[in-house]
Amino acid sequence: MTPLWALFKRDLTLAFHQRAELIQPLIFFMLVVSLFPLGVGPNPATLQMIGPGVIWVAAILSSLMGLERLFRDDFQDGSLEQLLLSGSALPLVALVKVTTHWLTSILPLLILSPLLALFLHLNEAMYWALLATLILGTPLLSLLGAIAVALTVGLNRGGVLLALLLVPIFIPLLIFATSAVDAAALSLPYNAQLAIIGAMLLFALALAPFATAYALRVSQN
């Protein structure tokens, strides 16, 4: 575990040294959510109706901005090739990378979510449902995104291809997450939606590190 812990600390240190790239997804997230009330009007009922979808769409798009650098720097400086040759368990390496991405790119979005929920006039029940879906769903964004990033890491300007690959895959998550918040708005139970998102997360957690490791080997050949 010592090499993996060293890799985790290294990636966290590098992420906080590249503050511009770290802040960009956060600023983009805030701008997207802030512009919707200007476009649709300040009516609280309208904002409450579209608010969960707006926050989730903004979270997905913001995560795509941070995903591109998941393996990019390691590929460019040769560290990725050294990791492949080191004999370390590559699925665990991929899991460390995904964890670092979630902590640096997505956790700040969750911290900001109470302010944005208030801005969009979400009530308390809707906010707690939204937070539950974000906690369960955002790691899924990182896990699935890592597979696509590993496949496109050697391509120039792979960001557009990355979006084309991932946005359709994220649609079911978006549907179940917004459905849970809509159920909370009507004072209905939303355990079924959370259970489905949780099952998707567990499935991805079991398979995505191995798929990412395979994709990294393919992209290096």
Protein backbone atom coordinates (compact mmCIF):
# COMPACT_ATOMS: atom_id res chain seq x y z
CA MET A 1 0.00 0.00 0.00
CA THR A 2 2.97 2.35 0.45
CA PRO A 3 3.45 3.07 -3.30
CA LEU A 4 -0.29 3.68 -3.68
CA TRP A 5 -0.31 6.05 -0.70
CA ALA A 6 2.69 7.86 -2.17
CA LEU A 7 0.87 8.14 -5.51
CA PHE A 8 -2.21 9.50 -3.75
CA LYS A 9 -0.22 12.17 -1.90
CA ARG A 10 1.69 13.07 -5.07
CA ASP A 11 -1.49 13.53 -7.10
CA LEU A 12 -3.08 15.66 -4.37
CA THR A 13 0.02 17.83 -4.18
CA LEU A 14 0.16 18.29 -7.94
CA ALA A 15 -3.54 19.10 -8.08
CA PHE A 16 -3.23 21.86 -5.50
CA HIS A 17 -0.16 23.25 -7.24
CA GLN A 18 -2.16 23.57 -10.48
CA ARG A 19 -4.71 25.87 -8.90
CA ALA A 20 -5.98 27.34 -12.15
CA GLU A 21 -7.03 23.94 -13.48
CA LEU A 22 -8.43 23.06 -10.07
CA ILE A 23 -10.64 26.15 -9.89
CA GLN A 24 -11.90 26.10 -13.50
CA PRO A 25 -14.54 23.34 -13.02
CA LEU A 26 -15.75 25.05 -9.84
CA ILE A 27 -16.16 28.42 -11.55
CA PHE A 28 -17.85 26.76 -14.53
CA PHE A 29 -20.28 24.99 -12.19
CA MET A 30 -21.20 28.22 -10.44
CA LEU A 31 -21.59 30.13 -13.71
CA VAL A 32 -23.88 27.53 -15.29
CA VAL A 33 -26.15 27.39 -12.25
CA SER A 34 -26.14 31.18 -11.87
CA LEU A 35 -27.07 31.87 -15.50
CA PHE A 36 -30.24 29.78 -15.50
CA PRO A 37 -32.27 32.16 -13.27
CA LEU A 38 -31.29 35.00 -15.60
CA GLY A 39 -32.47 33.03 -18.61
CA VAL A 40 -35.75 31.60 -17.31
CA GLY A 41 -36.69 34.35 -14.86
CA PRO A 42 -36.69 34.65 -11.07
CA ASN A 43 -40.01 32.84 -10.52
CA PRO A 44 -39.38 30.57 -7.46
CA ALA A 45 -41.75 27.85 -8.71
CA THR A 46 -39.96 27.64 -12.06
CA LEU A 47 -36.52 27.62 -10.46
CA GLN A 48 -37.59 24.96 -7.97
CA MET A 49 -38.86 22.78 -10.80
CA ILE A 50 -35.72 22.98 -12.94
CA GLY A 51 -33.18 23.40 -10.12
CA PRO A 52 -32.22 19.73 -9.55
CA GLY A 53 -31.71 19.13 -13.26
CA VAL A 54 -29.67 22.31 -13.60
CA ILE A 55 -27.34 21.38 -10.74
CA TRP A 56 -26.88 17.84 -12.05
CA VAL A 57 -26.20 18.94 -15.63
CA ALA A 58 -23.71 21.52 -14.35
CA ALA A 59 -22.03 18.85 -12.19
CA ILE A 60 -21.70 16.47 -15.16
CA LEU A 61 -20.23 19.15 -17.43
CA SER A 62 -17.87 20.36 -14.70
CA SER A 63 -16.65 16.83 -14.04
CA LEU A 64 -15.84 16.45 -17.74
CA MET A 65 -13.55 19.48 -17.50
CA GLY A 66 -11.54 17.88 -14.70
CA LEU A 67 -11.52 14.37 -16.16
CA GLU A 68 -9.27 15.19 -19.11
CA ARG A 69 -6.26 15.72 -16.86
CA LEU A 70 -6.81 12.44 -14.96
CA PHE A 71 -3.99 10.63 -16.84
CA ARG A 72 -2.83 13.43 -19.16
CA ASP A 73 0.13 14.74 -17.16
CA ASP A 74 1.36 11.24 -16.32
CA PHE A 75 1.16 10.30 -19.99
CA GLN A 76 3.07 13.37 -21.12
CA ASP A 77 5.94 13.10 -18.61
CA GLY A 78 6.31 9.30 -18.88
CA SER A 79 5.05 8.54 -15.38
CA LEU A 80 2.18 6.49 -16.77
CA GLU A 81 4.55 4.19 -18.63
CA GLN A 82 6.61 3.77 -15.47
CA LEU A 83 3.46 2.84 -13.54
CA LEU A 84 2.63 0.22 -16.16
CA LEU A 85 6.14 -1.25 -15.91
CA SER A 86 6.45 -1.02 -12.12
CA GLY A 87 4.42 -4.14 -11.40
CA SER A 88 1.93 -2.26 -9.22
CA ALA A 89 -1.67 -3.43 -9.35
CA LEU A 90 -2.95 -1.19 -12.14
CA PRO A 91 -6.64 -1.41 -11.09
CA LEU A 92 -5.65 -0.05 -7.67
CA VAL A 93 -3.61 2.68 -9.33
CA ALA A 94 -6.68 3.61 -11.38
CA LEU A 95 -8.80 3.64 -8.21
CA VAL A 96 -6.32 5.99 -6.52
CA LYS A 97 -6.46 8.31 -9.54
CA VAL A 98 -10.28 8.28 -9.49
CA THR A 99 -10.34 9.03 -5.76
CA THR A 100 -7.99 11.96 -6.24
CA HIS A 101 -10.14 13.33 -9.06
CA TRP A 102 -13.29 13.08 -6.95
CA LEU A 103 -11.69 14.80 -3.96
CA THR A 104 -10.18 17.66 -5.94
CA SER A 105 -12.74 18.26 -8.70
CA ILE A 106 -16.13 17.11 -7.38
CA LEU A 107 -16.06 17.40 -3.60
CA PRO A 108 -15.86 21.23 -3.82
CA LEU A 109 -19.04 21.15 -5.91
CA LEU A 110 -20.81 19.24 -3.14
CA ILE A 111 -19.61 21.78 -0.60
CA LEU A 112 -21.11 24.58 -2.71
CA SER A 113 -24.42 22.77 -3.28
CA PRO A 114 -26.27 24.23 -0.24
CA LEU A 115 -25.70 27.79 -1.49
CA LEU A 116 -26.78 26.91 -5.02
CA ALA A 117 -29.83 25.02 -3.77
CA LEU A 118 -30.85 28.12 -1.85
CA PHE A 119 -30.24 30.21 -4.96
CA LEU A 120 -32.63 27.95 -6.92
CA HIS A 121 -35.28 28.00 -4.16
CA LEU A 122 -35.07 24.29 -3.34
CA ASN A 123 -36.79 23.39 -0.09
CA GLU A 124 -35.14 21.35 2.66
CA ALA A 125 -36.52 17.97 1.53
CA MET A 126 -35.41 18.59 -2.05
CA TYR A 127 -31.95 19.65 -0.92
CA TRP A 128 -31.35 16.52 1.16
CA ALA A 129 -32.53 14.35 -1.72
CA LEU A 130 -30.25 16.25 -4.10
CA LEU A 131 -27.29 15.88 -1.74
CA ALA A 132 -27.92 12.13 -1.41
CA THR A 133 -27.97 11.71 -5.19
CA LEU A 134 -24.79 13.78 -5.56
CA ILE A 135 -22.94 11.75 -2.92
CA LEU A 136 -23.92 8.47 -4.57
CA GLY A 137 -23.80 9.61 -8.18
CA THR A 138 -20.69 11.76 -8.50
CA PRO A 139 -18.23 8.91 -7.75
CA LEU A 140 -19.94 7.10 -10.63
CA LEU A 141 -19.01 10.03 -12.89
CA SER A 142 -15.35 9.65 -11.94
CA LEU A 143 -15.31 5.85 -12.27
CA LEU A 144 -16.93 5.74 -15.70
CA GLY A 145 -15.05 8.81 -16.86
CA ALA A 146 -11.72 7.18 -16.02
CA ILE A 147 -12.39 4.42 -18.56
CA ALA A 148 -13.01 6.91 -21.37
CA VAL A 149 -10.01 9.04 -20.35
CA ALA A 150 -7.78 5.96 -20.36
CA LEU A 151 -8.94 5.14 -23.89
CA THR A 152 -8.33 8.65 -25.22
CA VAL A 153 -5.23 9.62 -23.21
CA GLY A 154 -2.93 9.36 -26.23
CA LEU A 155 -5.11 11.43 -28.54
CA ASN A 156 -4.64 15.12 -29.24
CA ARG A 157 -7.68 17.20 -28.30
CA GLY A 158 -9.46 14.21 -26.84
CA GLY A 159 -11.79 16.41 -24.80
CA VAL A 160 -14.52 16.54 -27.45
CA LEU A 161 -14.37 12.78 -27.98
CA LEU A 162 -14.48 12.34 -24.22
CA ALA A 163 -17.72 14.32 -24.00
CA LEU A 164 -19.26 12.38 -26.89
CA LEU A 165 -18.43 9.09 -25.19
CA LEU A 166 -19.57 9.97 -21.70
CA VAL A 167 -22.62 12.24 -21.94
CA PRO A 168 -24.93 9.48 -23.29
CA ILE A 169 -23.71 7.11 -20.55
CA PHE A 170 -24.53 9.65 -17.84
CA ILE A 171 -28.15 10.13 -18.99
CA PRO A 172 -29.63 7.25 -16.87
CA LEU A 173 -27.89 8.65 -13.78
CA LEU A 174 -29.31 12.10 -14.54
CA ILE A 175 -32.83 10.67 -14.93
CA PHE A 176 -32.81 8.75 -11.64
CA ALA A 177 -31.16 11.61 -9.71
CA THR A 178 -33.69 14.22 -10.82
CA SER A 179 -36.53 11.76 -10.29
CA ALA A 180 -35.45 11.34 -6.66
CA VAL A 181 -35.50 15.10 -6.06
CA ASP A 182 -38.89 15.43 -7.79
CA ALA A 183 -40.27 12.72 -5.51
CA ALA A 184 -38.93 14.58 -2.48
CA ALA A 185 -40.65 17.75 -3.69
CA LEU A 186 -43.97 15.85 -3.65
CA SER A 187 -43.20 14.34 -0.20
CA LEU A 188 -42.94 10.88 -1.78
CA PRO A 189 -40.32 8.25 -0.91
CA TYR A 190 -37.29 8.17 -3.15
CA ASN A 191 -35.47 5.17 -1.71
CA ALA A 192 -35.92 3.23 -4.96
CA GLN A 193 -34.09 5.86 -7.00
CA LEU A 194 -31.25 6.00 -4.46
CA ALA A 195 -31.05 2.20 -4.45
CA ILE A 196 -30.70 2.13 -8.24
CA ILE A 197 -27.98 4.80 -8.18
CA GLY A 198 -26.23 2.91 -5.38
CA ALA A 199 -26.38 -0.33 -7.37
CA MET A 200 -24.90 1.45 -10.38
CA LEU A 201 -22.11 2.80 -8.17
CA LEU A 202 -21.28 -0.62 -6.71
CA PHE A 203 -21.29 -2.19 -10.16
CA ALA A 204 -18.95 0.50 -11.47
CA LEU A 205 -16.73 0.24 -8.39
CA ALA A 206 -16.31 -3.49 -9.00
CA LEU A 207 -15.58 -3.30 -12.73
CA ALA A 208 -14.38 0.19 -13.67
CA PRO A 209 -10.85 -0.07 -12.16
CA PHE A 210 -10.18 -3.22 -14.18
CA ALA A 211 -11.64 -1.71 -17.35
CA THR A 212 -9.53 1.42 -16.82
CA ALA A 213 -6.39 -0.65 -16.31
CA TYR A 214 -7.08 -2.56 -19.54
CA ALA A 215 -7.75 0.67 -21.44
CA LEU A 216 -4.46 2.15 -20.21
CA ARG A 217 -2.54 -0.89 -21.44
CA VAL A 218 -4.29 -0.66 -24.81
CA SER A 219 -3.58 3.07 -25.16
CA GLN A 220 0.13 2.52 -24.44
CA ASN A 221 0.51 -0.14 -27.15
